[in-house]
């Protein structure tokens, strides 16, 4: 399978961890990273659309904010 060229990707969406688990564009998302987070593929990252939801989860899961740019590295 050929690799995907960045110019071929229009948008990337993630699932909002809070609420109804709707899809949110990564450019409108906030992310948490922590050892207590059990995400797919051992990423230990979850996404949120709301800063309030992120703050509540950060305390509960002992996690820290991480940017989309940091995640892409």
N, C-alpha and C. Protein backbone atom coordinates (compact mmCIF):
# COMPACT_ATOMS: atom_id res chain seq x y z
N UNK A 1 0.84 -1.17 0.00
CA UNK A 1 0.00 0.00 0.00
C UNK A 1 0.89 1.24 0.00
N UNK A 2 0.52 2.22 -0.81
CA UNK A 2 1.27 3.47 -0.89
C UNK A 2 1.07 4.29 0.38
N UNK A 3 2.08 5.04 0.77
CA UNK A 3 1.92 5.91 1.92
C UNK A 3 1.06 7.12 1.55
N UNK A 4 0.44 7.70 2.54
CA UNK A 4 -0.43 8.85 2.32
C UNK A 4 0.41 10.12 2.32
N UNK A 5 0.20 10.94 1.34
CA UNK A 5 0.88 12.22 1.24
C UNK A 5 0.04 13.25 1.98
N UNK A 6 0.69 14.09 2.79
CA UNK A 6 -0.02 15.07 3.62
C UNK A 6 -1.02 15.89 2.80
N UNK A 7 -0.69 16.24 1.59
CA UNK A 7 -1.58 17.04 0.76
C UNK A 7 -2.87 16.30 0.40
N UNK A 8 -2.86 14.98 0.54
CA UNK A 8 -4.04 14.18 0.24
C UNK A 8 -5.04 14.15 1.40
N UNK A 9 -4.63 14.58 2.56
CA UNK A 9 -5.48 14.54 3.75
C UNK A 9 -6.18 15.88 3.91
N UNK A 10 -7.51 15.84 3.81
CA UNK A 10 -8.28 17.07 3.95
C UNK A 10 -8.48 17.42 5.43
N UNK A 11 -8.97 16.46 6.20
CA UNK A 11 -9.25 16.68 7.62
C UNK A 11 -8.96 15.40 8.39
N UNK A 12 -8.68 15.57 9.67
CA UNK A 12 -8.52 14.45 10.59
C UNK A 12 -9.47 14.69 11.75
N UNK A 13 -10.18 13.65 12.13
CA UNK A 13 -11.15 13.74 13.22
C UNK A 13 -10.78 12.75 14.32
N UNK A 14 -11.11 13.13 15.56
CA UNK A 14 -10.93 12.27 16.72
C UNK A 14 -12.25 12.20 17.46
N UNK A 15 -12.38 11.22 18.33
CA UNK A 15 -13.60 11.05 19.11
C UNK A 15 -13.49 11.83 20.41
N UNK A 16 -14.49 12.65 20.70
CA UNK A 16 -14.56 13.41 21.94
C UNK A 16 -14.80 12.42 23.08
N UNK A 17 -13.89 12.36 24.03
CA UNK A 17 -13.97 11.42 25.15
C UNK A 17 -15.19 11.69 26.02
N UNK A 18 -15.64 12.93 26.09
CA UNK A 18 -16.77 13.31 26.94
C UNK A 18 -18.06 13.33 26.12
N UNK A 19 -19.16 13.39 26.83
CA UNK A 19 -20.45 13.55 26.16
C UNK A 19 -20.85 12.36 25.32
N UNK A 20 -21.33 12.65 24.11
CA UNK A 20 -21.86 11.60 23.24
C UNK A 20 -20.79 11.00 22.32
N UNK A 21 -19.53 11.28 22.58
CA UNK A 21 -18.40 10.74 21.82
C UNK A 21 -18.48 11.11 20.34
N UNK A 22 -18.85 12.35 20.08
CA UNK A 22 -18.94 12.83 18.70
C UNK A 22 -17.55 13.00 18.10
N UNK A 23 -17.50 13.11 16.78
CA UNK A 23 -16.24 13.36 16.09
C UNK A 23 -15.93 14.85 16.09
N UNK A 24 -14.67 15.17 16.34
CA UNK A 24 -14.23 16.56 16.41
C UNK A 24 -12.96 16.70 15.57
N UNK A 25 -12.89 17.74 14.78
CA UNK A 25 -11.70 18.02 13.99
C UNK A 25 -10.52 18.22 14.93
N UNK A 26 -9.36 17.67 14.60
CA UNK A 26 -8.19 17.80 15.48
C UNK A 26 -7.80 19.25 15.72
N UNK A 27 -8.09 20.12 14.77
CA UNK A 27 -7.76 21.54 14.94
C UNK A 27 -8.69 22.24 15.92
N UNK A 28 -9.76 21.58 16.31
CA UNK A 28 -10.70 22.13 17.29
C UNK A 28 -10.71 21.30 18.56
N UNK A 29 -9.73 20.40 18.71
CA UNK A 29 -9.69 19.47 19.83
C UNK A 29 -8.63 19.85 20.84
N UNK A 30 -8.85 19.37 22.04
CA UNK A 30 -7.90 19.49 23.14
C UNK A 30 -7.54 18.08 23.55
N UNK A 31 -6.29 17.85 23.94
CA UNK A 31 -5.83 16.50 24.21
C UNK A 31 -5.21 16.39 25.60
N UNK A 32 -5.40 15.20 26.20
CA UNK A 32 -4.76 14.86 27.47
C UNK A 32 -3.89 13.63 27.26
N UNK A 33 -2.77 13.62 27.97
CA UNK A 33 -1.86 12.48 27.92
C UNK A 33 -1.53 12.08 29.34
N UNK A 34 -1.57 10.79 29.62
CA UNK A 34 -1.21 10.32 30.95
C UNK A 34 -1.14 8.81 31.03
N UNK A 35 -0.40 8.32 32.01
CA UNK A 35 -0.20 6.87 32.18
C UNK A 35 -1.48 6.16 32.58
N UNK A 36 -2.43 6.86 33.19
CA UNK A 36 -3.68 6.22 33.61
C UNK A 36 -4.71 6.17 32.50
N UNK A 37 -4.41 6.77 31.37
CA UNK A 37 -5.31 6.76 30.22
C UNK A 37 -5.00 5.51 29.40
N UNK A 38 -6.04 4.75 29.11
CA UNK A 38 -5.88 3.53 28.31
C UNK A 38 -6.58 3.75 26.98
N UNK A 39 -5.82 4.21 26.02
CA UNK A 39 -6.36 4.47 24.69
C UNK A 39 -5.94 3.41 23.70
N UNK A 40 -6.50 3.48 22.52
CA UNK A 40 -6.12 2.50 21.50
C UNK A 40 -4.64 2.60 21.13
N UNK A 41 -4.05 1.49 20.86
CA UNK A 41 -2.67 1.40 20.40
C UNK A 41 -1.69 1.98 21.41
N UNK A 42 -2.04 1.92 22.69
CA UNK A 42 -1.17 2.37 23.78
C UNK A 42 -0.73 3.82 23.66
N UNK A 43 -1.58 4.66 23.10
CA UNK A 43 -1.24 6.06 22.95
C UNK A 43 -1.36 6.87 24.22
N UNK A 44 -2.17 6.38 25.17
CA UNK A 44 -2.39 7.09 26.44
C UNK A 44 -2.84 8.52 26.22
N UNK A 45 -3.66 8.73 25.18
CA UNK A 45 -4.14 10.07 24.82
C UNK A 45 -5.65 10.01 24.59
N UNK A 46 -6.35 11.03 25.08
CA UNK A 46 -7.78 11.19 24.80
C UNK A 46 -8.04 12.62 24.36
N UNK A 47 -9.11 12.79 23.59
CA UNK A 47 -9.43 14.10 23.02
C UNK A 47 -10.72 14.64 23.60
N UNK A 48 -10.81 15.97 23.62
CA UNK A 48 -12.00 16.66 24.12
C UNK A 48 -12.31 17.86 23.23
N UNK A 49 -13.59 18.22 23.22
CA UNK A 49 -13.99 19.45 22.54
C UNK A 49 -14.11 20.58 23.55
N UNK A 50 -14.40 20.25 24.79
CA UNK A 50 -14.65 21.24 25.84
C UNK A 50 -13.47 21.32 26.81
N UNK A 51 -13.02 22.54 27.10
CA UNK A 51 -11.94 22.73 28.07
C UNK A 51 -12.38 22.29 29.46
N UNK A 52 -13.65 22.53 29.83
CA UNK A 52 -14.14 22.10 31.14
C UNK A 52 -14.05 20.59 31.30
N UNK A 53 -14.46 19.86 30.28
CA UNK A 53 -14.38 18.39 30.32
C UNK A 53 -12.93 17.94 30.43
N UNK A 54 -12.05 18.58 29.71
CA UNK A 54 -10.63 18.26 29.75
C UNK A 54 -10.07 18.48 31.15
N UNK A 55 -10.41 19.60 31.77
CA UNK A 55 -9.90 19.91 33.11
C UNK A 55 -10.35 18.88 34.13
N UNK A 56 -11.63 18.48 34.07
CA UNK A 56 -12.16 17.48 35.00
C UNK A 56 -11.43 16.15 34.82
N UNK A 57 -11.24 15.73 33.59
CA UNK A 57 -10.56 14.46 33.31
C UNK A 57 -9.08 14.53 33.69
N UNK A 58 -8.45 15.67 33.50
CA UNK A 58 -7.03 15.83 33.85
C UNK A 58 -6.80 15.57 35.33
N UNK A 59 -7.71 16.08 36.15
CA UNK A 59 -7.58 15.87 37.60
C UNK A 59 -7.84 14.41 37.94
N UNK A 60 -8.92 13.86 37.40
CA UNK A 60 -9.32 12.48 37.71
C UNK A 60 -8.28 11.47 37.23
N UNK A 61 -7.64 11.73 36.09
CA UNK A 61 -6.71 10.77 35.49
C UNK A 61 -5.24 11.13 35.67
N UNK A 62 -4.98 12.21 36.43
CA UNK A 62 -3.61 12.66 36.65
C UNK A 62 -2.87 12.81 35.32
N UNK A 63 -3.50 13.55 34.40
CA UNK A 63 -2.97 13.70 33.04
C UNK A 63 -2.64 15.16 32.75
N UNK A 64 -1.90 15.38 31.67
CA UNK A 64 -1.49 16.72 31.29
C UNK A 64 -1.93 17.04 29.86
N UNK A 65 -2.13 18.32 29.58
CA UNK A 65 -2.46 18.77 28.23
C UNK A 65 -1.30 18.47 27.29
N UNK A 66 -1.66 18.13 26.07
CA UNK A 66 -0.67 17.94 25.03
C UNK A 66 -1.28 18.47 23.73
N UNK A 67 -0.48 19.10 22.92
CA UNK A 67 -1.00 19.70 21.69
C UNK A 67 -1.01 18.69 20.55
N UNK A 68 -1.79 18.98 19.53
CA UNK A 68 -1.82 18.14 18.34
C UNK A 68 -0.44 18.10 17.69
N UNK A 69 0.25 19.24 17.69
CA UNK A 69 1.60 19.28 17.10
C UNK A 69 2.55 18.34 17.83
N UNK A 70 2.46 18.30 19.15
CA UNK A 70 3.32 17.39 19.92
C UNK A 70 2.96 15.93 19.63
N UNK A 71 1.69 15.66 19.46
CA UNK A 71 1.25 14.30 19.19
C UNK A 71 1.71 13.79 17.83
N UNK A 72 1.82 14.68 16.89
CA UNK A 72 2.22 14.29 15.53
C UNK A 72 3.69 13.89 15.44
N UNK A 73 4.48 14.27 16.42
CA UNK A 73 5.93 13.98 16.37
C UNK A 73 6.20 12.50 16.50
